[in-house]
Structures are given as structure tokens and as C-alpha cells.
C-alpha atoms as a PDB file:
ATOM      1  CA  MET A   1     100.070  41.484 113.694  1.00  0.00           C
ATOM      2  CA  ASN A   2     100.583  44.623 114.339  1.00  0.00           C
ATOM      3  CA  ILE A   3      97.905  47.267 112.566  1.00  0.00           C
ATOM      4  CA  TYR A   4      99.695  50.191 112.245  1.00  0.00           C
ATOM      5  CA  GLN A   5     102.830  48.984 111.285  1.00  0.00           C
ATOM      6  CA  PRO A   6     103.206  50.493 107.322  1.00  0.00           C
ATOM      7  CA  HIS A   7     104.358  48.936 104.772  1.00  0.00           C
ATOM      8  CA  LEU A   8     107.582  50.254 102.588  1.00  0.00           C
ATOM      9  CA  MET A   9     107.211  51.975  99.427  1.00  0.00           C
ATOM     10  CA  ARG A  10     109.636  53.055  97.032  1.00  0.00           C
ATOM     11  CA  ILE A  11     108.884  56.305  95.208  1.00  0.00           C
ATOM     12  CA  ARG A  12     109.209  54.965  91.486  1.00  0.00           C
ATOM     13  CA  GLU A  13     108.045  58.494  89.702  1.00  0.00           C
ATOM     14  CA  ILE A  14     107.161  62.441  91.095  1.00  0.00           C
ATOM     15  CA  THR A  15     104.983  64.411  88.812  1.00  0.00           C
ATOM     16  CA  ASP A  16     104.345  67.533  89.740  1.00  0.00           C
ATOM     17  CA  GLU A  17     100.498  68.600  89.118  1.00  0.00           C
ATOM     18  CA  THR A  18     100.978  72.507  90.024  1.00  0.00           C
ATOM     19  CA  VAL A  19     103.291  74.312  91.470  1.00  0.00           C
ATOM     20  CA  ASP A  20     101.127  72.950  95.515  1.00  0.00           C
ATOM     21  CA  THR A  21     100.405  69.720  94.239  1.00  0.00           C
ATOM     22  CA  ARG A  22     102.539  66.775  93.396  1.00  0.00           C
ATOM     23  CA  THR A  23     101.609  63.172  92.726  1.00  0.00           C
ATOM     24  CA  LEU A  24     103.632  60.097  93.640  1.00  0.00           C
ATOM     25  CA  LYS A  25     104.143  56.822  92.181  1.00  0.00           C
ATOM     26  CA  LEU A  26     104.892  54.088  94.563  1.00  0.00           C
ATOM     27  CA  GLU A  27     105.938  50.101  94.338  1.00  0.00           C
ATOM     28  CA  PHE A  28     106.125  47.749  97.266  1.00  0.00           C
ATOM     29  CA  GLU A  29     109.593  46.595  98.172  1.00  0.00           C
ATOM     30  CA  ASP A  30     108.283  43.231  99.102  1.00  0.00           C
ATOM     31  CA  SER A  31     107.899  42.084  95.431  1.00  0.00           C
ATOM     32  CA  GLY A  32     105.545  39.407  97.180  1.00  0.00           C
ATOM     33  CA  LEU A  33     103.014  41.954  98.600  1.00  0.00           C
ATOM     34  CA  ALA A  34     102.956  43.616  94.988  1.00  0.00           C
ATOM     35  CA  GLY A  35     101.845  41.031  93.270  1.00  0.00           C
ATOM     36  CA  GLN A  36      98.794  40.132  96.013  1.00  0.00           C
ATOM     37  CA  PHE A  37      98.021  43.698  97.065  1.00  0.00           C
ATOM     38  CA  GLN A  38      93.893  44.657  95.741  1.00  0.00           C
ATOM     39  CA  PHE A  39      91.706  47.754  96.124  1.00  0.00           C
ATOM     40  CA  TYR A  40      88.820  49.520  94.512  1.00  0.00           C
ATOM     41  CA  ALA A  41      88.153  52.617  93.270  1.00  0.00           C
ATOM     42  CA  GLY A  42      87.462  55.093  96.589  1.00  0.00           C
ATOM     43  CA  GLN A  43      89.374  53.510  99.265  1.00  0.00           C
ATOM     44  CA  PHE A  44      92.150  55.081 100.837  1.00  0.00           C
ATOM     45  CA  GLY A  45      95.250  54.748 102.959  1.00  0.00           C
ATOM     46  CA  GLU A  46      98.091  56.394 104.808  1.00  0.00           C
ATOM     47  CA  TYR A  47     100.844  57.837 103.841  1.00  0.00           C
ATOM     48  CA  SER A  48     104.293  58.109 106.321  1.00  0.00           C
ATOM     49  CA  VAL A  49     107.682  59.893 106.556  1.00  0.00           C
ATOM     50  CA  PHE A  50     109.493  58.688 108.564  1.00  0.00           C
ATOM     51  CA  GLY A  51     110.101  60.765 111.842  1.00  0.00           C
ATOM     52  CA  GLU A  52     107.569  62.880 110.992  1.00  0.00           C
ATOM     53  CA  GLY A  53     104.125  60.908 110.686  1.00  0.00           C
ATOM     54  CA  GLU A  54     101.414  60.517 108.169  1.00  0.00           C
ATOM     55  CA  SER A  55      98.690  61.777 106.493  1.00  0.00           C
ATOM     56  CA  THR A  56      95.333  60.194 104.749  1.00  0.00           C
ATOM     57  CA  PHE A  57      95.235  60.470 100.720  1.00  0.00           C
ATOM     58  CA  CYS A  58      93.259  58.742  98.640  1.00  0.00           C
ATOM     59  CA  ILE A  59      94.627  55.866  95.983  1.00  0.00           C
ATOM     60  CA  ALA A  60      94.226  58.084  93.127  1.00  0.00           C
ATOM     61  CA  SER A  61      95.207  55.322  90.726  1.00  0.00           C
ATOM     62  CA  PRO A  62      92.821  53.006  89.316  1.00  0.00           C
ATOM     63  CA  PRO A  63      92.668  49.137  90.446  1.00  0.00           C
ATOM     64  CA  THR A  64      92.663  47.536  87.449  1.00  0.00           C
ATOM     65  CA  ARG A  65      96.592  48.712  86.837  1.00  0.00           C
ATOM     66  CA  SER A  66      98.508  46.608  89.141  1.00  0.00           C
ATOM     67  CA  GLY A  67     102.641  46.721  90.424  1.00  0.00           C
ATOM     68  CA  TYR A  68     101.930  50.244  91.796  1.00  0.00           C
ATOM     69  CA  ILE A  69      99.587  52.829  93.554  1.00  0.00           C
ATOM     70  CA  GLU A  70      99.570  56.665  92.785  1.00  0.00           C
ATOM     71  CA  CYS A  71      99.055  59.473  95.415  1.00  0.00           C
ATOM     72  CA  SER A  72      98.077  63.178  95.069  1.00  0.00           C
ATOM     73  CA  PHE A  73      98.506  66.108  97.771  1.00  0.00           C
ATOM     74  CA  LYS A  74      99.320  69.443  98.382  1.00  0.00           C
ATOM     75  CA  ALA A  75     102.127  70.478 100.613  1.00  0.00           C
ATOM     76  CA  THR A  76      99.855  72.179 103.264  1.00  0.00           C
ATOM     77  CA  GLY A  77     101.472  70.716 106.519  1.00  0.00           C
ATOM     78  CA  LYS A  78     104.403  69.076 108.575  1.00  0.00           C
ATOM     79  CA  VAL A  79     104.057  65.527 106.663  1.00  0.00           C
ATOM     80  CA  THR A  80     102.833  66.921 103.057  1.00  0.00           C
ATOM     81  CA  GLN A  81     105.810  69.026 103.489  1.00  0.00           C
ATOM     82  CA  ALA A  82     107.850  66.088 104.280  1.00  0.00           C
ATOM     83  CA  LEU A  83     106.558  64.232 101.639  1.00  0.00           C
ATOM     84  CA  ARG A  84     107.006  66.453  99.089  1.00  0.00           C
ATOM     85  CA  ARG A  85     111.105  67.196 100.017  1.00  0.00           C
ATOM     86  CA  LEU A  86     111.467  62.885  98.867  1.00  0.00           C
ATOM     87  CA  ASN A  87     113.261  62.072  96.185  1.00  0.00           C
ATOM     88  CA  VAL A  88     112.404  59.086  93.462  1.00  0.00           C
ATOM     89  CA  GLY A  89     114.284  56.090  95.058  1.00  0.00           C
ATOM     90  CA  ASP A  90     113.369  57.424  98.478  1.00  0.00           C
ATOM     91  CA  THR A  91     111.492  54.758 100.761  1.00  0.00           C
ATOM     92  CA  VAL A  92     107.693  56.161 102.348  1.00  0.00           C
ATOM     93  CA  GLY A  93     105.160  54.018 104.239  1.00  0.00           C
ATOM     94  CA  PHE A  94     102.151  52.810 103.225  1.00  0.00           C
ATOM     95  CA  ARG A  95      98.711  51.630 105.352  1.00  0.00           C
ATOM     96  CA  GLY A  96      95.715  50.107 103.874  1.00  0.00           C
ATOM     97  CA  PRO A  97      93.606  50.146 101.946  1.00  0.00           C
ATOM     98  CA  TYR A  98      90.621  51.596 103.884  1.00  0.00           C
ATOM     99  CA  GLY A  99      87.087  52.035 103.659  1.00  0.00           C
ATOM    100  CA  ASN A 100      84.897  51.248 101.358  1.00  0.00           C
ATOM    101  CA  HIS A 101      84.677  52.184  97.611  1.00  0.00           C
ATOM    102  CA  PHE A 102      82.388  52.978  94.381  1.00  0.00           C
ATOM    103  CA  PRO A 103      80.250  50.680  93.266  1.00  0.00           C
ATOM    104  CA  LEU A 104      81.325  50.101  90.643  1.00  0.00           C
ATOM    105  CA  GLU A 105      79.747  46.830  89.549  1.00  0.00           C
ATOM    106  CA  GLU A 106      76.436  48.561  89.744  1.00  0.00           C
ATOM    107  CA  MET A 107      77.172  51.191  87.439  1.00  0.00           C
ATOM    108  CA  LYS A 108      78.226  49.375  84.644  1.00  0.00           C
ATOM    109  CA  GLY A 109      75.417  49.376  81.560  1.00  0.00           C
ATOM    110  CA  HIS A 110      74.854  52.601  82.688  1.00  0.00           C
ATOM    111  CA  SER A 111      76.148  56.173  81.796  1.00  0.00           C
ATOM    112  CA  ILE A 112      78.577  57.898  84.488  1.00  0.00           C
ATOM    113  CA  VAL A 113      79.041  62.004  85.218  1.00  0.00           C
ATOM    114  CA  PHE A 114      81.784  62.550  86.987  1.00  0.00           C
ATOM    115  CA  ILE A 115      82.549  65.730  88.732  1.00  0.00           C
ATOM    116  CA  ALA A 116      85.430  67.297  90.502  1.00  0.00           C
ATOM    117  CA  GLY A 117      86.502  70.314  91.689  1.00  0.00           C
ATOM    118  CA  GLY A 118      90.388  71.109  92.001  1.00  0.00           C
ATOM    119  CA  ILE A 119      92.743  68.292  93.615  1.00  0.00           C
ATOM    120  CA  GLY A 120      89.111  66.870  93.963  1.00  0.00           C
ATOM    121  CA  LEU A 121      89.904  65.240  91.143  1.00  0.00           C
ATOM    122  CA  ALA A 122      92.369  62.722  92.869  1.00  0.00           C
ATOM    123  CA  PRO A 123      89.805  60.122  93.842  1.00  0.00           C
ATOM    124  CA  VAL A 124      87.646  61.023  91.405  1.00  0.00           C
ATOM    125  CA  ARG A 125      90.479  60.184  88.941  1.00  0.00           C
ATOM    126  CA  ALA A 126      90.683  56.542  90.307  1.00  0.00           C
ATOM    127  CA  VAL A 127      87.196  55.847  89.292  1.00  0.00           C
ATOM    128  CA  ILE A 128      87.587  57.672  85.979  1.00  0.00           C
ATOM    129  CA  TRP A 129      90.546  54.974  84.831  1.00  0.00           C
ATOM    130  CA  ASN A 130      88.836  52.083  85.978  1.00  0.00           C
ATOM    131  CA  VAL A 131      85.720  52.768  84.008  1.00  0.00           C
ATOM    132  CA  LEU A 132      87.984  53.742  80.941  1.00  0.00           C
ATOM    133  CA  ASP A 133      89.959  50.426  81.561  1.00  0.00           C
ATOM    134  CA  LEU A 134      86.794  48.498  81.316  1.00  0.00           C
ATOM    135  CA  ARG A 135      85.132  51.263  78.748  1.00  0.00           C
ATOM    136  CA  ASP A 136      82.738  48.465  76.901  1.00  0.00           C
ATOM    137  CA  GLN A 137      80.800  47.886  80.160  1.00  0.00           C
ATOM    138  CA  PHE A 138      79.976  51.580  80.813  1.00  0.00           C
ATOM    139  CA  LYS A 139      77.239  54.089  78.521  1.00  0.00           C
ATOM    140  CA  ASP A 140      78.585  57.412  78.336  1.00  0.00           C
ATOM    141  CA  VAL A 141      81.172  59.018  79.985  1.00  0.00           C
ATOM    142  CA  THR A 142      80.978  62.478  80.999  1.00  0.00           C
ATOM    143  CA  ILE A 143      83.908  64.337  82.908  1.00  0.00           C
ATOM    144  CA  ILE A 144      83.225  68.024  84.273  1.00  0.00           C
ATOM    145  CA  TYR A 145      86.187  69.414  85.991  1.00  0.00           C
ATOM    146  CA  GLY A 146      87.071  73.190  87.285  1.00  0.00           C
ATOM    147  CA  ALA A 147      89.234  75.029  89.466  1.00  0.00           C
ATOM    148  CA  ARG A 148      89.828  78.683  90.823  1.00  0.00           C
ATOM    149  CA  SER A 149      92.451  78.759  87.827  1.00  0.00           C
ATOM    150  CA  VAL A 150      93.774  77.957  84.879  1.00  0.00           C
ATOM    151  CA  GLY A 151      97.162  76.608  86.998  1.00  0.00           C
ATOM    152  CA  ASP A 152      95.324  74.650  89.869  1.00  0.00           C
ATOM    153  CA  LEU A 153      94.062  72.523  86.984  1.00  0.00           C
ATOM    154  CA  VAL A 154      95.492  68.869  88.116  1.00  0.00           C
ATOM    155  CA  TYR A 155      96.599  66.274  85.647  1.00  0.00           C
ATOM    156  CA  LYS A 156      96.542  68.313  82.971  1.00  0.00           C
ATOM    157  CA  ARG A 157      98.719  65.392  80.582  1.00  0.00           C
ATOM    158  CA  GLU A 158      95.473  63.340  81.594  1.00  0.00           C
ATOM    159  CA  LEU A 159      93.037  66.079  80.758  1.00  0.00           C
ATOM    160  CA  GLU A 160      94.603  66.664  77.320  1.00  0.00           C
ATOM    161  CA  GLU A 161      94.303  62.906  76.914  1.00  0.00           C
ATOM    162  CA  TRP A 162      90.944  62.409  77.616  1.00  0.00           C
ATOM    163  CA  GLY A 163      89.991  65.822  75.560  1.00  0.00           C
ATOM    164  CA  GLN A 164      91.040  64.090  72.486  1.00  0.00           C
ATOM    165  CA  ARG A 165      89.261  60.776  73.132  1.00  0.00           C
ATOM    166  CA  LYS A 166      86.273  60.422  71.238  1.00  0.00           C
ATOM    167  CA  ASP A 167      84.136  58.226  73.723  1.00  0.00           C
ATOM    168  CA  ILE A 168      84.349  60.768  76.387  1.00  0.00           C
ATOM    169  CA  LYS A 169      82.024  64.036  76.905  1.00  0.00           C
ATOM    170  CA  LEU A 170      85.180  66.544  78.692  1.00  0.00           C
ATOM    171  CA  CYS A 171      84.074  70.220  80.243  1.00  0.00           C
ATOM    172  CA  LEU A 172      86.855  71.679  81.755  1.00  0.00           C
ATOM    173  CA  ALA A 173      86.320  74.840  83.619  1.00  0.00           C
ATOM    174  CA  VAL A 174      87.463  77.693  85.599  1.00  0.00           C
ATOM    175  CA  ASP A 175      86.295  80.446  87.942  1.00  0.00           C
ATOM    176  CA  PRO A 176      85.998  84.061  86.803  1.00  0.00           C
ATOM    177  CA  GLY A 177      88.558  85.745  86.857  1.00  0.00           C
ATOM    178  CA  GLY A 178      90.737  82.927  86.885  1.00  0.00           C
ATOM    179  CA  GLU A 179      91.217  82.127  83.000  1.00  0.00           C
ATOM    180  CA  THR A 180      94.345  82.845  80.518  1.00  0.00           C
ATOM    181  CA  PRO A 181      94.316  84.552  76.972  1.00  0.00           C
ATOM    182  CA  GLU A 182      94.544  80.811  75.768  1.00  0.00           C
ATOM    183  CA  TRP A 183      92.578  79.512  77.699  1.00  0.00           C
ATOM    184  CA  LYS A 184      89.109  77.968  75.626  1.00  0.00           C
ATOM    185  CA  GLY A 185      87.904  75.962  77.980  1.00  0.00           C
ATOM    186  CA  MET A 186      84.685  77.128  80.014  1.00  0.00           C
ATOM    187  CA  VAL A 187      84.437  80.456  82.498  1.00  0.00           C
ATOM    188  CA  ALA A 188      81.927  79.058  85.013  1.00  0.00           C
ATOM    189  CA  ARG A 189      81.715  77.692  88.312  1.00  0.00           C
ATOM    190  CA  ILE A 190      81.058  74.041  88.508  1.00  0.00           C
ATOM    191  CA  PRO A 191      77.232  74.245  89.342  1.00  0.00           C
ATOM    192  CA  THR A 192      77.193  76.629  86.484  1.00  0.00           C
ATOM    193  CA  ALA A 193      79.330  74.107  84.171  1.00  0.00           C
ATOM    194  CA  VAL A 194      77.045  71.013  85.366  1.00  0.00           C
ATOM    195  CA  GLU A 195      73.416  73.010  84.509  1.00  0.00           C
ATOM    196  CA  GLN A 196      75.163  73.373  80.814  1.00  0.00           C
ATOM    197  CA  THR A 197      76.397  70.212  80.165  1.00  0.00           C
ATOM    198  CA  VAL A 198      74.293  67.558  81.707  1.00  0.00           C
ATOM    199  CA  THR A 199      70.907  67.409  79.662  1.00  0.00           C
ATOM    200  CA  THR A 200      69.234  64.298  81.328  1.00  0.00           C
ATOM    201  CA  ALA A 201      69.739  62.169  84.762  1.00  0.00           C
ATOM    202  CA  GLU A 202      67.799  59.197  83.723  1.00  0.00           C
ATOM    203  CA  GLY A 203      69.719  55.867  84.273  1.00  0.00           C
ATOM    204  CA  ASN A 204      72.906  58.397  85.297  1.00  0.00           C
ATOM    205  CA  PHE A 205      74.672  57.811  87.819  1.00  0.00           C
ATOM    206  CA  ALA A 206      77.277  60.605  89.337  1.00  0.00           C
ATOM    207  CA  VAL A 207      80.277  60.932  90.826  1.00  0.00           C
ATOM    208  CA  ILE A 208      81.576  63.743  92.644  1.00  0.00           C
ATOM    209  CA  CYS A 209      84.266  65.433  95.030  1.00  0.00           C
ATOM    210  CA  GLY A 210      86.004  69.190  95.435  1.00  0.00           C
ATOM    211  CA  PRO A 211      85.688  71.794  98.546  1.00  0.00           C
ATOM    212  CA  PRO A 212      82.606  70.911 100.175  1.00  0.00           C
ATOM    213  CA  ILE A 213      80.959  74.275  99.303  1.00  0.00           C
ATOM    214  CA  MET A 214      81.125  72.666  95.420  1.00  0.00           C
ATOM    215  CA  ILE A 215      79.564  69.949  96.270  1.00  0.00           C
ATOM    216  CA  LYS A 216      76.804  72.073  98.588  1.00  0.00           C
ATOM    217  CA  PHE A 217      76.177  74.324  95.287  1.00  0.00           C
ATOM    218  CA  THR A 218      76.393  71.263  93.505  1.00  0.00           C
ATOM    219  CA  LEU A 219      73.766  68.595  94.863  1.00  0.00           C
ATOM    220  CA  PRO A 220      70.969  71.243  94.579  1.00  0.00           C
ATOM    221  CA  VAL A 221      71.234  71.009  90.655  1.00  0.00           C
ATOM    222  CA  LEU A 222      71.563  67.301  90.191  1.00  0.00           C
ATOM    223  CA  GLU A 223      68.886  66.799  92.080  1.00  0.00           C
ATOM    224  CA  LYS A 224      67.237  69.371  90.023  1.00  0.00           C
ATOM    225  CA  LEU A 225      67.995  67.398  86.820  1.00  0.00           C
ATOM    226  CA  GLY A 226      66.328  64.306  88.329  1.00  0.00           C
ATOM    227  CA  PHE A 227      69.682  62.407  90.119  1.00  0.00           C
ATOM    228  CA  PRO A 228      68.659  60.158  92.201  1.00  0.00           C
ATOM    229  CA  GLY A 229      69.812  60.879  95.650  1.00  0.00           C
ATOM    230  CA  ASP A 230      70.968  57.401  96.376  1.00  0.00           C
ATOM    231  CA  ARG A 231      73.196  57.313  92.762  1.00  0.00           C
ATOM    232  CA  ILE A 232      74.907  60.120  93.824  1.00  0.00           C
ATOM    233  CA  TYR A 233      78.244  59.432  95.430  1.00  0.00           C
ATOM    234  CA  THR A 234      80.994  61.423  96.875  1.00  0.00           C
ATOM    235  CA  THR A 235      84.069  60.693  99.474  1.00  0.00           C
ATOM    236  CA  LEU A 236      84.657  62.764 102.610  1.00  0.00           C
ATOM    237  CA  GLU A 237      88.250  61.428 103.190  1.00  0.00           C
ATOM    238  CA  ASN A 238      89.703  64.872 104.397  1.00  0.00           C
ATOM    239  CA  ARG A 239      87.904  63.957 107.423  1.00  0.00           C
ATOM    240  CA  MET A 240      90.045  61.419 108.340  1.00  0.00           C
ATOM    241  CA  LYS A 241      93.064  60.682 110.568  1.00  0.00           C
ATOM    242  CA  CYS A 242      94.260  57.422 111.832  1.00  0.00           C
ATOM    243  CA  GLY A 243      92.232  55.178 109.194  1.00  0.00           C
ATOM    244  CA  ILE A 244      90.728  52.533 111.587  1.00  0.00           C
ATOM    245  CA  GLY A 245      88.288  53.872 113.323  1.00  0.00           C
ATOM    246  CA  LYS A 246      90.568  54.378 116.413  1.00  0.00           C
ATOM    247  CA  CYS A 247      91.171  58.419 116.825  1.00  0.00           C
ATOM    248  CA  GLY A 248      87.893  59.556 116.720  1.00  0.00           C
ATOM    249  CA  ARG A 249      88.928  62.363 114.891  1.00  0.00           C
ATOM    250  CA  CYS A 250      86.355  61.584 111.647  1.00  0.00           C
ATOM    251  CA  ASN A 251      83.060  60.693 113.433  1.00  0.00           C
ATOM    252  CA  ILE A 252      79.868  62.671 112.126  1.00  0.00           C
ATOM    253  CA  GLY A 253      77.871  61.572 115.299  1.00  0.00           C
ATOM    254  CA  PRO A 254      77.737  57.618 115.353  1.00  0.00           C
ATOM    255  CA  THR A 255      79.348  57.785 111.832  1.00  0.00           C
ATOM    256  CA  TYR A 256      82.580  56.936 111.210  1.00  0.00           C
ATOM    257  CA  VAL A 257      84.208  58.085 108.059  1.00  0.00           C
ATOM    258  CA  CYS A 258      86.898  55.735 108.157  1.00  0.00           C
ATOM    259  CA  LYS A 259      84.577  52.798 108.652  1.00  0.00           C
ATOM    260  CA  ASP A 260      81.523  53.466 107.197  1.00  0.00           C
ATOM    261  CA  GLY A 261      82.889  55.918 104.334  1.00  0.00           C
ATOM    262  CA  PRO A 262      84.753  57.704 102.892  1.00  0.00           C
ATOM    263  CA  VAL A 263      82.135  57.102 100.372  1.00  0.00           C
ATOM    264  CA  PHE A 264      78.619  58.035 100.782  1.00  0.00           C
ATOM    265  CA  THR A 265      75.299  58.528  98.605  1.00  0.00           C
ATOM    266  CA  ALA A 266      74.020  62.033  98.754  1.00  0.00           C
ATOM    267  CA  THR A 267      70.795  60.146 100.317  1.00  0.00           C
ATOM    268  CA  GLN A 268      73.355  59.495 103.620  1.00  0.00           C
ATOM    269  CA  MET A 269      74.639  62.275 103.800  1.00  0.00           C
ATOM    270  CA  ARG A 270      71.037  64.108 104.454  1.00  0.00           C
ATOM    271  CA  LYS A 271      70.833  61.666 107.313  1.00  0.00           C
ATOM    272  CA  LEU A 272      74.140  62.831 108.661  1.00  0.00           C
ATOM    273  CA  PRO A 273      74.050  65.273 111.916  1.00  0.00           C
ATOM    274  CA  GLN A 274      73.745  68.611 111.419  1.00  0.00           C
ATOM    275  CA  GLU A 275      77.208  69.535 112.855  1.00  0.00           C
ATOM    276  CA  PHE A 276      78.468  68.337 109.205  1.00  0.00           C
END
């Protein structure tokens, strides 16, 4: 079997999340493969445009919803710009799933705090919907999400849906200066929003993803609140290229993000070389 050969997928639906961020809903062209495909929340794939190359994104939809997968991306490079030029009905390539995943079996019976910034909501979204589709198996669910401005918030329709649910505590925030006159959420950066929203860490898990600077300043807040390092999970998917440990682009010392990750605990991240 050729490990580099992608499966063919057809674009079923396109959603523009922001001016530069788009979500694609994809279906396998091989119906037999579609019925067999399985993955876990936190795993990623390689998405390709033929003649242009491939890019690495998480699978942004939950494994509890079969028949399709979703990916969200910003049009920042050659491949993502080519992806953005595609239309409903066009074909893309997909390799995966790769990597480890968030330990939802371990989290069952506990409360979870989800923290995301900007496009970092994509991998967290997969876990959120996985949990919400199995809502009776978890305790309290808190979602803290922020972006630089109101216009940079992704999945706005889902944010509205989450805000209307009685079994979720939702906190939305934008950076100072990013608010609009109609904005009713917090005006604060993520670390401050976490400190003002989370009251206890006892028995809780935290899932966090976003810009590195956001994670850097949020981890001390979580530790101050009492979250153990082995109950704080994040994903480092942005460091990957080939997805299978061949190119060496994602290695941090002896650790390969694509094979040993992309999901790591805060405790594991502290052991990574200083270069990270």
C-alpha cells in the first residue's frame, strides 16, 4: 500500500467562518470506505489539492457524527489558497487519520473546561461536540472562547447554539479594542477570561488550543486554579508537515509531534527541549 496515496473526497458544503477562514464538509467518494472510516477527537489528516500540494489540519468534526468529516483553515499559503478556490462538488485528497487523541474515556464522569483562541477552536470543537453528543456521560461543561475581534470569531452559528443551551456555561471574549457596539460578551484576553470564569479545578479536565502566546499565559492561570499538569491537554498540530514521521519537520528533540502527538498534556510539554 502506498502510504502517500490520498483517498478521494468530494466537497459537500462550504461555510465561510470569517473573511479568511473557511470550513469544508467532505464525503468519501468510495461509499464502502465511508462506512468503514473511524477516527478519534484530536486526530488530524493531510488535505490535498491536486497539482498544488497538501496541508495538515485537524479533523474538526466529531467522530460521533459519521458519513463526513470537516476541516477549517485560513487561506495563508499556496495549498490553503488553492483549497479556497474550490467549489461544492470538487474533489480533494485526504490522508489519515493520524496521531493520538484526547482521552475522552478518561474524562467521562468529570467536568471539562474547554479553552480556545481564534482558529484554535477547530480541534477543540471536535471534542466539544463529541462530549455534547454524549452529554449524560460528563458533568459540567464550560467553554471559554475568544479572538482578537468580533469578526475573528469562528463557528458563530454554533456559538449561538451553545449559548442557548442550559447544560453549557459559555464565555465569549474579544481582546480590548476588538469589540463592537453590539458586543455583549467579555472584553478581555483569554487568561483573564479563564481566571474570571473558572471557580474550581477539583476533578476537572482542561482542553486548550490557540496561538502559542495564549497558551503560554493561560497555563499558569490553570495551574494557579489547581489543575494538575496531567489533566491539561493541548494539541500542537501546527508543527506538522508529512504526518507520518518521515520529513522531520515536526520533531522537538526526540519527539515527533505527528507520531507522539499532536495531543500532549502540560506535564509532557514541560519535558520538551528548550527549543520549543
